[in-house]
């Protein structure tokens, strides 16, 4: 059960939503020049299709994730001014 440190900091998309403390989902992570699937755990439930960031590797292809929106792909997301400049 050695942690896979290469996956920490990588982004992915949930293919099966997480249930918070109720159980894991499944995430497709961009890592090592391709994509790999992992069981995904989160503090709060996250819906299928949500973008996530891997914050911890638990070993045995299990990771902890948080919701994530790439600011480079959506630079106006969350700026609060509706995109007005």
PDB file of N, CA and C in Angstrom:
ATOM      1  N   UNK A   1       0.825  -1.193   0.000  1.00  0.00           N
ATOM      2  CA  UNK A   1       0.000   0.000   0.000  1.00  0.00           C
ATOM      3  C   UNK A   1       0.867   1.253   0.000  1.00  0.00           C
ATOM      4  N   UNK A   2       1.824   1.304  -0.881  1.00  0.00           N
ATOM      5  CA  UNK A   2       2.690   2.461  -0.994  1.00  0.00           C
ATOM      6  C   UNK A   2       1.949   3.581  -1.719  1.00  0.00           C
ATOM      7  N   UNK A   3       1.961   4.794  -1.164  1.00  0.00           N
ATOM      8  CA  UNK A   3       1.321   5.920  -1.851  1.00  0.00           C
ATOM      9  C   UNK A   3       1.974   6.182  -3.204  1.00  0.00           C
ATOM     10  N   UNK A   4       1.192   6.638  -4.167  1.00  0.00           N
ATOM     11  CA  UNK A   4       1.657   6.983  -5.511  1.00  0.00           C
ATOM     12  C   UNK A   4       1.779   8.494  -5.573  1.00  0.00           C
ATOM     13  N   UNK A   5       2.945   9.013  -5.208  1.00  0.00           N
ATOM     14  CA  UNK A   5       3.133  10.461  -5.125  1.00  0.00           C
ATOM     15  C   UNK A   5       3.046  11.161  -6.482  1.00  0.00           C
ATOM     16  N   UNK A   6       3.219  10.433  -7.584  1.00  0.00           N
ATOM     17  CA  UNK A   6       3.145  11.047  -8.912  1.00  0.00           C
ATOM     18  C   UNK A   6       1.755  11.603  -9.210  1.00  0.00           C
ATOM     19  N   UNK A   7       0.743  11.065  -8.572  1.00  0.00           N
ATOM     20  CA  UNK A   7      -0.636  11.475  -8.854  1.00  0.00           C
ATOM     21  C   UNK A   7      -1.055  12.715  -8.053  1.00  0.00           C
ATOM     22  N   UNK A   8      -0.365  13.017  -6.953  1.00  0.00           N
ATOM     23  CA  UNK A   8      -0.713  14.178  -6.117  1.00  0.00           C
ATOM     24  C   UNK A   8      -0.448  15.463  -6.910  1.00  0.00           C
ATOM     25  N   UNK A   9      -1.453  16.320  -6.975  1.00  0.00           N
ATOM     26  CA  UNK A   9      -1.367  17.564  -7.738  1.00  0.00           C
ATOM     27  C   UNK A   9      -1.908  17.442  -9.143  1.00  0.00           C
ATOM     28  N   UNK A  10      -2.265  16.242  -9.560  1.00  0.00           N
ATOM     29  CA  UNK A  10      -2.844  16.031 -10.887  1.00  0.00           C
ATOM     30  C   UNK A  10      -4.348  16.318 -10.855  1.00  0.00           C
ATOM     31  N   UNK A  11      -4.885  16.630 -12.015  1.00  0.00           N
ATOM     32  CA  UNK A  11      -6.316  16.898 -12.128  1.00  0.00           C
ATOM     33  C   UNK A  11      -7.008  15.731 -12.820  1.00  0.00           C
ATOM     34  N   UNK A  12      -8.317  15.679 -12.646  1.00  0.00           N
ATOM     35  CA  UNK A  12      -9.078  14.618 -13.285  1.00  0.00           C
ATOM     36  C   UNK A  12     -10.548  14.940 -13.315  1.00  0.00           C
ATOM     37  N   UNK A  13     -11.325  13.963 -13.734  1.00  0.00           N
ATOM     38  CA  UNK A  13     -12.780  14.107 -13.818  1.00  0.00           C
ATOM     39  C   UNK A  13     -13.416  12.873 -13.200  1.00  0.00           C
ATOM     40  N   UNK A  14     -14.440  13.101 -12.386  1.00  0.00           N
ATOM     41  CA  UNK A  14     -15.135  11.985 -11.756  1.00  0.00           C
ATOM     42  C   UNK A  14     -15.995  11.243 -12.766  1.00  0.00           C
ATOM     43  N   UNK A  15     -15.806   9.933 -12.856  1.00  0.00           N
ATOM     44  CA  UNK A  15     -16.655   9.103 -13.705  1.00  0.00           C
ATOM     45  C   UNK A  15     -17.760   8.456 -12.869  1.00  0.00           C
ATOM     46  N   UNK A  16     -17.543   8.408 -11.553  1.00  0.00           N
ATOM     47  CA  UNK A  16     -18.564   8.008 -10.584  1.00  0.00           C
ATOM     48  C   UNK A  16     -18.466   9.000  -9.437  1.00  0.00           C
ATOM     49  N   UNK A  17     -19.572   9.665  -9.105  1.00  0.00           N
ATOM     50  CA  UNK A  17     -19.564  10.676  -8.051  1.00  0.00           C
ATOM     51  C   UNK A  17     -19.169  10.110  -6.696  1.00  0.00           C
ATOM     52  N   UNK A  18     -18.573  10.953  -5.865  1.00  0.00           N
ATOM     53  CA  UNK A  18     -18.237  10.548  -4.502  1.00  0.00           C
ATOM     54  C   UNK A  18     -19.445  10.789  -3.600  1.00  0.00           C
ATOM     55  N   UNK A  19     -19.447  10.130  -2.447  1.00  0.00           N
ATOM     56  CA  UNK A  19     -20.550  10.286  -1.497  1.00  0.00           C
ATOM     57  C   UNK A  19     -20.062  10.884  -0.188  1.00  0.00           C
ATOM     58  N   UNK A  20     -18.955  11.621  -0.209  1.00  0.00           N
ATOM     59  CA  UNK A  20     -18.407  12.187   1.016  1.00  0.00           C
ATOM     60  C   UNK A  20     -18.015  11.071   1.962  1.00  0.00           C
ATOM     61  N   UNK A  21     -18.453  11.164   3.206  1.00  0.00           N
ATOM     62  CA  UNK A  21     -18.130  10.124   4.181  1.00  0.00           C
ATOM     63  C   UNK A  21     -18.887   8.827   3.908  1.00  0.00           C
ATOM     64  N   UNK A  22     -19.850   8.848   2.972  1.00  0.00           N
ATOM     65  CA  UNK A  22     -20.634   7.667   2.635  1.00  0.00           C
ATOM     66  C   UNK A  22     -19.924   6.681   1.726  1.00  0.00           C
ATOM     67  N   UNK A  23     -18.833   7.087   1.116  1.00  0.00           N
ATOM     68  CA  UNK A  23     -18.094   6.161   0.267  1.00  0.00           C
ATOM     69  C   UNK A  23     -17.433   6.842  -0.915  1.00  0.00           C
ATOM     70  N   UNK A  24     -16.560   6.094  -1.586  1.00  0.00           N
ATOM     71  CA  UNK A  24     -15.784   6.666  -2.686  1.00  0.00           C
ATOM     72  C   UNK A  24     -16.537   6.686  -4.008  1.00  0.00           C
ATOM     73  N   UNK A  25     -15.974   7.450  -4.936  1.00  0.00           N
ATOM     74  CA  UNK A  25     -16.379   7.428  -6.325  1.00  0.00           C
ATOM     75  C   UNK A  25     -15.195   6.929  -7.128  1.00  0.00           C
ATOM     76  N   UNK A  26     -15.170   7.266  -8.404  1.00  0.00           N
ATOM     77  CA  UNK A  26     -14.067   6.870  -9.268  1.00  0.00           C
ATOM     78  C   UNK A  26     -13.655   8.068 -10.108  1.00  0.00           C
ATOM     79  N   UNK A  27     -12.345   8.267 -10.234  1.00  0.00           N
ATOM     80  CA  UNK A  27     -11.829   9.415 -10.959  1.00  0.00           C
ATOM     81  C   UNK A  27     -10.867   8.965 -12.046  1.00  0.00           C
ATOM     82  N   UNK A  28     -10.936   9.636 -13.181  1.00  0.00           N
ATOM     83  CA  UNK A  28     -10.005   9.445 -14.283  1.00  0.00           C
ATOM     84  C   UNK A  28      -8.998  10.581 -14.183  1.00  0.00           C
ATOM     85  N   UNK A  29      -7.732  10.252 -13.896  1.00  0.00           N
ATOM     86  CA  UNK A  29      -6.699  11.248 -13.616  1.00  0.00           C
ATOM     87  C   UNK A  29      -5.703  11.322 -14.768  1.00  0.00           C
ATOM     88  N   UNK A  30      -5.332  12.555 -15.146  1.00  0.00           N
ATOM     89  CA  UNK A  30      -4.286  12.783 -16.145  1.00  0.00           C
ATOM     90  C   UNK A  30      -2.942  12.662 -15.434  1.00  0.00           C
ATOM     91  N   UNK A  31      -2.209  11.571 -15.716  1.00  0.00           N
ATOM     92  CA  UNK A  31      -0.930  11.325 -15.042  1.00  0.00           C
ATOM     93  C   UNK A  31      -0.023  10.474 -15.940  1.00  0.00           C
ATOM     94  N   UNK A  32       1.266  10.692 -15.841  1.00  0.00           N
ATOM     95  CA  UNK A  32       2.277   9.912 -16.568  1.00  0.00           C
ATOM     96  C   UNK A  32       2.040   9.889 -18.080  1.00  0.00           C
ATOM     97  N   UNK A  33       1.569  10.991 -18.638  1.00  0.00           N
ATOM     98  CA  UNK A  33       1.360  11.095 -20.076  1.00  0.00           C
ATOM     99  C   UNK A  33       0.110  10.400 -20.590  1.00  0.00           C
ATOM    100  N   UNK A  34      -0.757   9.984 -19.705  1.00  0.00           N
ATOM    101  CA  UNK A  34      -1.996   9.322 -20.096  1.00  0.00           C
ATOM    102  C   UNK A  34      -3.062   9.558 -19.051  1.00  0.00           C
ATOM    103  N   UNK A  35      -4.005   8.639 -18.957  1.00  0.00           N
ATOM    104  CA  UNK A  35      -5.041   8.717 -17.934  1.00  0.00           C
ATOM    105  C   UNK A  35      -5.138   7.371 -17.221  1.00  0.00           C
ATOM    106  N   UNK A  36      -5.408   7.431 -15.922  1.00  0.00           N
ATOM    107  CA  UNK A  36      -5.558   6.230 -15.105  1.00  0.00           C
ATOM    108  C   UNK A  36      -6.732   6.435 -14.166  1.00  0.00           C
ATOM    109  N   UNK A  37      -7.380   5.340 -13.774  1.00  0.00           N
ATOM    110  CA  UNK A  37      -8.507   5.433 -12.854  1.00  0.00           C
ATOM    111  C   UNK A  37      -8.080   5.093 -11.430  1.00  0.00           C
ATOM    112  N   UNK A  38      -8.722   5.769 -10.476  1.00  0.00           N
ATOM    113  CA  UNK A  38      -8.471   5.577  -9.058  1.00  0.00           C
ATOM    114  C   UNK A  38      -9.800   5.654  -8.316  1.00  0.00           C
ATOM    115  N   UNK A  39      -9.891   5.000  -7.161  1.00  0.00           N
ATOM    116  CA  UNK A  39     -11.007   5.238  -6.255  1.00  0.00           C
ATOM    117  C   UNK A  39     -10.804   6.628  -5.672  1.00  0.00           C
ATOM    118  N   UNK A  40     -11.850   7.424  -5.620  1.00  0.00           N
ATOM    119  CA  UNK A  40     -11.754   8.822  -5.189  1.00  0.00           C
ATOM    120  C   UNK A  40     -12.555   9.056  -3.923  1.00  0.00           C
ATOM    121  N   UNK A  41     -11.893   9.582  -2.903  1.00  0.00           N
ATOM    122  CA  UNK A  41     -12.535   9.928  -1.640  1.00  0.00           C
ATOM    123  C   UNK A  41     -12.555  11.448  -1.501  1.00  0.00           C
ATOM    124  N   UNK A  42     -13.615  11.981  -0.889  1.00  0.00           N
ATOM    125  CA  UNK A  42     -13.713  13.418  -0.648  1.00  0.00           C
ATOM    126  C   UNK A  42     -14.495  13.651   0.636  1.00  0.00           C
ATOM    127  N   UNK A  43     -14.270  14.807   1.255  1.00  0.00           N
ATOM    128  CA  UNK A  43     -15.007  15.153   2.479  1.00  0.00           C
ATOM    129  C   UNK A  43     -16.480  15.404   2.191  1.00  0.00           C
ATOM    130  N   UNK A  44     -16.756  16.060   1.076  1.00  0.00           N
ATOM    131  CA  UNK A  44     -18.116  16.406   0.666  1.00  0.00           C
ATOM    132  C   UNK A  44     -18.472  15.613  -0.585  1.00  0.00           C
ATOM    133  N   UNK A  45     -19.737  15.268  -0.780  1.00  0.00           N
ATOM    134  CA  UNK A  45     -20.140  14.584  -2.014  1.00  0.00           C
ATOM    135  C   UNK A  45     -19.836  15.449  -3.242  1.00  0.00           C
ATOM    136  N   UNK A  46     -19.339  14.812  -4.295  1.00  0.00           N
ATOM    137  CA  UNK A  46     -19.052  15.484  -5.562  1.00  0.00           C
ATOM    138  C   UNK A  46     -19.755  14.719  -6.673  1.00  0.00           C
ATOM    139  N   UNK A  47     -20.341  15.446  -7.617  1.00  0.00           N
ATOM    140  CA  UNK A  47     -21.133  14.826  -8.675  1.00  0.00           C
ATOM    141  C   UNK A  47     -20.279  14.254  -9.791  1.00  0.00           C
ATOM    142  N   UNK A  48     -20.827  13.256 -10.442  1.00  0.00           N
ATOM    143  CA  UNK A  48     -20.202  12.692 -11.635  1.00  0.00           C
ATOM    144  C   UNK A  48     -19.948  13.818 -12.641  1.00  0.00           C
ATOM    145  N   UNK A  49     -18.784  13.805 -13.259  1.00  0.00           N
ATOM    146  CA  UNK A  49     -18.422  14.822 -14.240  1.00  0.00           C
ATOM    147  C   UNK A  49     -17.689  16.004 -13.650  1.00  0.00           C
ATOM    148  N   UNK A  50     -17.633  16.094 -12.318  1.00  0.00           N
ATOM    149  CA  UNK A  50     -16.950  17.220 -11.668  1.00  0.00           C
ATOM    150  C   UNK A  50     -15.445  17.139 -11.903  1.00  0.00           C
ATOM    151  N   UNK A  51     -14.839  18.298 -12.125  1.00  0.00           N
ATOM    152  CA  UNK A  51     -13.389  18.378 -12.196  1.00  0.00           C
ATOM    153  C   UNK A  51     -12.829  18.339 -10.782  1.00  0.00           C
ATOM    154  N   UNK A  52     -11.723  17.604 -10.598  1.00  0.00           N
ATOM    155  CA  UNK A  52     -11.139  17.457  -9.270  1.00  0.00           C
ATOM    156  C   UNK A  52      -9.627  17.598  -9.317  1.00  0.00           C
ATOM    157  N   UNK A  53      -9.057  17.870  -8.152  1.00  0.00           N
ATOM    158  CA  UNK A  53      -7.619  17.928  -7.942  1.00  0.00           C
ATOM    159  C   UNK A  53      -7.273  16.871  -6.913  1.00  0.00           C
ATOM    160  N   UNK A  54      -6.270  16.048  -7.200  1.00  0.00           N
ATOM    161  CA  UNK A  54      -5.825  15.029  -6.254  1.00  0.00           C
ATOM    162  C   UNK A  54      -4.942  15.700  -5.203  1.00  0.00           C
ATOM    163  N   UNK A  55      -5.322  15.583  -3.930  1.00  0.00           N
ATOM    164  CA  UNK A  55      -4.550  16.213  -2.853  1.00  0.00           C
ATOM    165  C   UNK A  55      -3.794  15.206  -1.989  1.00  0.00           C
ATOM    166  N   UNK A  56      -4.100  13.905  -2.163  1.00  0.00           N
ATOM    167  CA  UNK A  56      -3.418  12.892  -1.356  1.00  0.00           C
ATOM    168  C   UNK A  56      -3.552  11.530  -2.031  1.00  0.00           C
ATOM    169  N   UNK A  57      -2.477  10.747  -1.961  1.00  0.00           N
ATOM    170  CA  UNK A  57      -2.525   9.362  -2.403  1.00  0.00           C
ATOM    171  C   UNK A  57      -2.597   8.482  -1.171  1.00  0.00           C
ATOM    172  N   UNK A  58      -3.566   7.568  -1.167  1.00  0.00           N
ATOM    173  CA  UNK A  58      -3.766   6.676  -0.029  1.00  0.00           C
ATOM    174  C   UNK A  58      -3.188   5.285  -0.278  1.00  0.00           C
ATOM    175  N   UNK A  59      -2.555   5.083  -1.430  1.00  0.00           N
ATOM    176  CA  UNK A  59      -2.046   3.774  -1.804  1.00  0.00           C
ATOM    177  C   UNK A  59      -3.138   2.906  -2.389  1.00  0.00           C
ATOM    178  N   UNK A  60      -2.755   1.788  -2.995  1.00  0.00           N
ATOM    179  CA  UNK A  60      -3.712   0.838  -3.585  1.00  0.00           C
ATOM    180  C   UNK A  60      -4.705   1.510  -4.532  1.00  0.00           C
ATOM    181  N   UNK A  61      -4.202   2.460  -5.342  1.00  0.00           N
ATOM    182  CA  UNK A  61      -5.019   3.165  -6.342  1.00  0.00           C
ATOM    183  C   UNK A  61      -6.205   3.895  -5.722  1.00  0.00           C
ATOM    184  N   UNK A  62      -5.991   4.459  -4.531  1.00  0.00           N
ATOM    185  CA  UNK A  62      -7.003   5.265  -3.839  1.00  0.00           C
ATOM    186  C   UNK A  62      -6.429   6.660  -3.617  1.00  0.00           C
ATOM    187  N   UNK A  63      -7.250   7.693  -3.868  1.00  0.00           N
ATOM    188  CA  UNK A  63      -6.809   9.079  -3.713  1.00  0.00           C
ATOM    189  C   UNK A  63      -7.873   9.914  -3.012  1.00  0.00           C
ATOM    190  N   UNK A  64      -7.439  11.010  -2.426  1.00  0.00           N
ATOM    191  CA  UNK A  64      -8.354  12.011  -1.873  1.00  0.00           C
ATOM    192  C   UNK A  64      -8.391  13.171  -2.859  1.00  0.00           C
ATOM    193  N   UNK A  65      -9.607  13.670  -3.157  1.00  0.00           N
ATOM    194  CA  UNK A  65      -9.777  14.733  -4.143  1.00  0.00           C
ATOM    195  C   UNK A  65     -10.599  15.884  -3.566  1.00  0.00           C
ATOM    196  N   UNK A  66     -10.455  17.042  -4.197  1.00  0.00           N
ATOM    197  CA  UNK A  66     -11.302  18.200  -3.929  1.00  0.00           C
ATOM    198  C   UNK A  66     -11.816  18.722  -5.265  1.00  0.00           C
ATOM    199  N   UNK A  67     -12.933  19.446  -5.230  1.00  0.00           N
ATOM    200  CA  UNK A  67     -13.470  20.057  -6.446  1.00  0.00           C
ATOM    201  C   UNK A  67     -12.446  21.030  -7.007  1.00  0.00           C
ATOM    202  N   UNK A  68     -12.352  21.086  -8.336  1.00  0.00           N
ATOM    203  CA  UNK A  68     -11.334  21.921  -8.977  1.00  0.00           C
ATOM    204  C   UNK A  68     -11.825  22.410 -10.318  1.00  0.00           C
ATOM    205  N   UNK A  69     -11.651  23.699 -10.562  1.00  0.00           N
ATOM    206  CA  UNK A  69     -11.906  24.293 -11.882  1.00  0.00           C
ATOM    207  C   UNK A  69     -10.605  24.959 -12.297  1.00  0.00           C
ATOM    208  N   UNK A  70     -10.049  24.536 -13.426  1.00  0.00           N
ATOM    209  CA  UNK A  70      -8.765  25.048 -13.897  1.00  0.00           C
ATOM    210  C   UNK A  70      -8.889  26.526 -14.260  1.00  0.00           C
ATOM    211  N   UNK A  71      -8.186  27.411 -13.546  1.00  0.00           N
ATOM    212  CA  UNK A  71      -8.301  28.849 -13.830  1.00  0.00           C
ATOM    213  C   UNK A  71      -7.733  29.237 -15.195  1.00  0.00           C
ATOM    214  N   UNK A  72      -6.868  28.407 -15.767  1.00  0.00           N
ATOM    215  CA  UNK A  72      -6.324  28.710 -17.084  1.00  0.00           C
ATOM    216  C   UNK A  72      -7.318  28.397 -18.198  1.00  0.00           C
ATOM    217  N   UNK A  73      -8.202  27.437 -17.944  1.00  0.00           N
ATOM    218  CA  UNK A  73      -9.221  27.099 -18.937  1.00  0.00           C
ATOM    219  C   UNK A  73     -10.460  27.963 -18.814  1.00  0.00           C
ATOM    220  N   UNK A  74     -10.698  28.518 -17.626  1.00  0.00           N
ATOM    221  CA  UNK A  74     -11.863  29.354 -17.357  1.00  0.00           C
ATOM    222  C   UNK A  74     -11.428  30.543 -16.499  1.00  0.00           C
ATOM    223  N   UNK A  75     -10.663  31.493 -17.080  1.00  0.00           N
ATOM    224  CA  UNK A  75     -10.062  32.571 -16.288  1.00  0.00           C
ATOM    225  C   UNK A  75     -11.059  33.509 -15.613  1.00  0.00           C
ATOM    226  N   UNK A  76     -12.305  33.573 -16.072  1.00  0.00           N
ATOM    227  CA  UNK A  76     -13.276  34.479 -15.473  1.00  0.00           C
ATOM    228  C   UNK A  76     -14.127  33.800 -14.395  1.00  0.00           C
ATOM    229  N   UNK A  77     -13.942  32.506 -14.214  1.00  0.00           N
ATOM    230  CA  UNK A  77     -14.746  31.775 -13.232  1.00  0.00           C
ATOM    231  C   UNK A  77     -14.463  32.284 -11.833  1.00  0.00           C
ATOM    232  N   UNK A  78     -15.500  32.637 -11.142  1.00  0.00           N
ATOM    233  CA  UNK A  78     -15.369  33.019  -9.739  1.00  0.00           C
ATOM    234  C   UNK A  78     -14.818  34.407  -9.491  1.00  0.00           C
ATOM    235  N   UNK A  79     -14.767  35.283 -10.523  1.00  0.00           N
ATOM    236  CA  UNK A  79     -14.219  36.617 -10.263  1.00  0.00           C
ATOM    237  C   UNK A  79     -15.272  37.567  -9.706  1.00  0.00           C
ATOM    238  N   UNK A  80     -16.537  37.144  -9.713  1.00  0.00           N
ATOM    239  CA  UNK A  80     -17.600  37.906  -9.057  1.00  0.00           C
ATOM    240  C   UNK A  80     -18.127  39.110  -9.820  1.00  0.00           C
ATOM    241  N   UNK A  81     -17.530  39.460 -10.971  1.00  0.00           N
ATOM    242  CA  UNK A  81     -18.017  40.643 -11.668  1.00  0.00           C
ATOM    243  C   UNK A  81     -18.743  40.293 -12.970  1.00  0.00           C
ATOM    244  N   UNK A  82     -19.066  38.991 -13.144  1.00  0.00           N
ATOM    245  CA  UNK A  82     -19.824  38.591 -14.321  1.00  0.00           C
ATOM    246  C   UNK A  82     -19.051  38.717 -15.613  1.00  0.00           C
ATOM    247  N   UNK A  83     -17.726  38.835 -15.506  1.00  0.00           N
ATOM    248  CA  UNK A  83     -16.892  38.920 -16.704  1.00  0.00           C
ATOM    249  C   UNK A  83     -16.694  40.343 -17.185  1.00  0.00           C
ATOM    250  N   UNK A  84     -17.305  41.344 -16.536  1.00  0.00           N
ATOM    251  CA  UNK A  84     -17.138  42.740 -16.961  1.00  0.00           C
ATOM    252  C   UNK A  84     -15.722  43.198 -16.655  1.00  0.00           C
ATOM    253  N   UNK A  85     -15.136  43.882 -17.592  1.00  0.00           N
ATOM    254  CA  UNK A  85     -13.757  44.391 -17.412  1.00  0.00           C
ATOM    255  C   UNK A  85     -13.693  45.840 -17.817  1.00  0.00           C
TER     256      UNK A  85
END
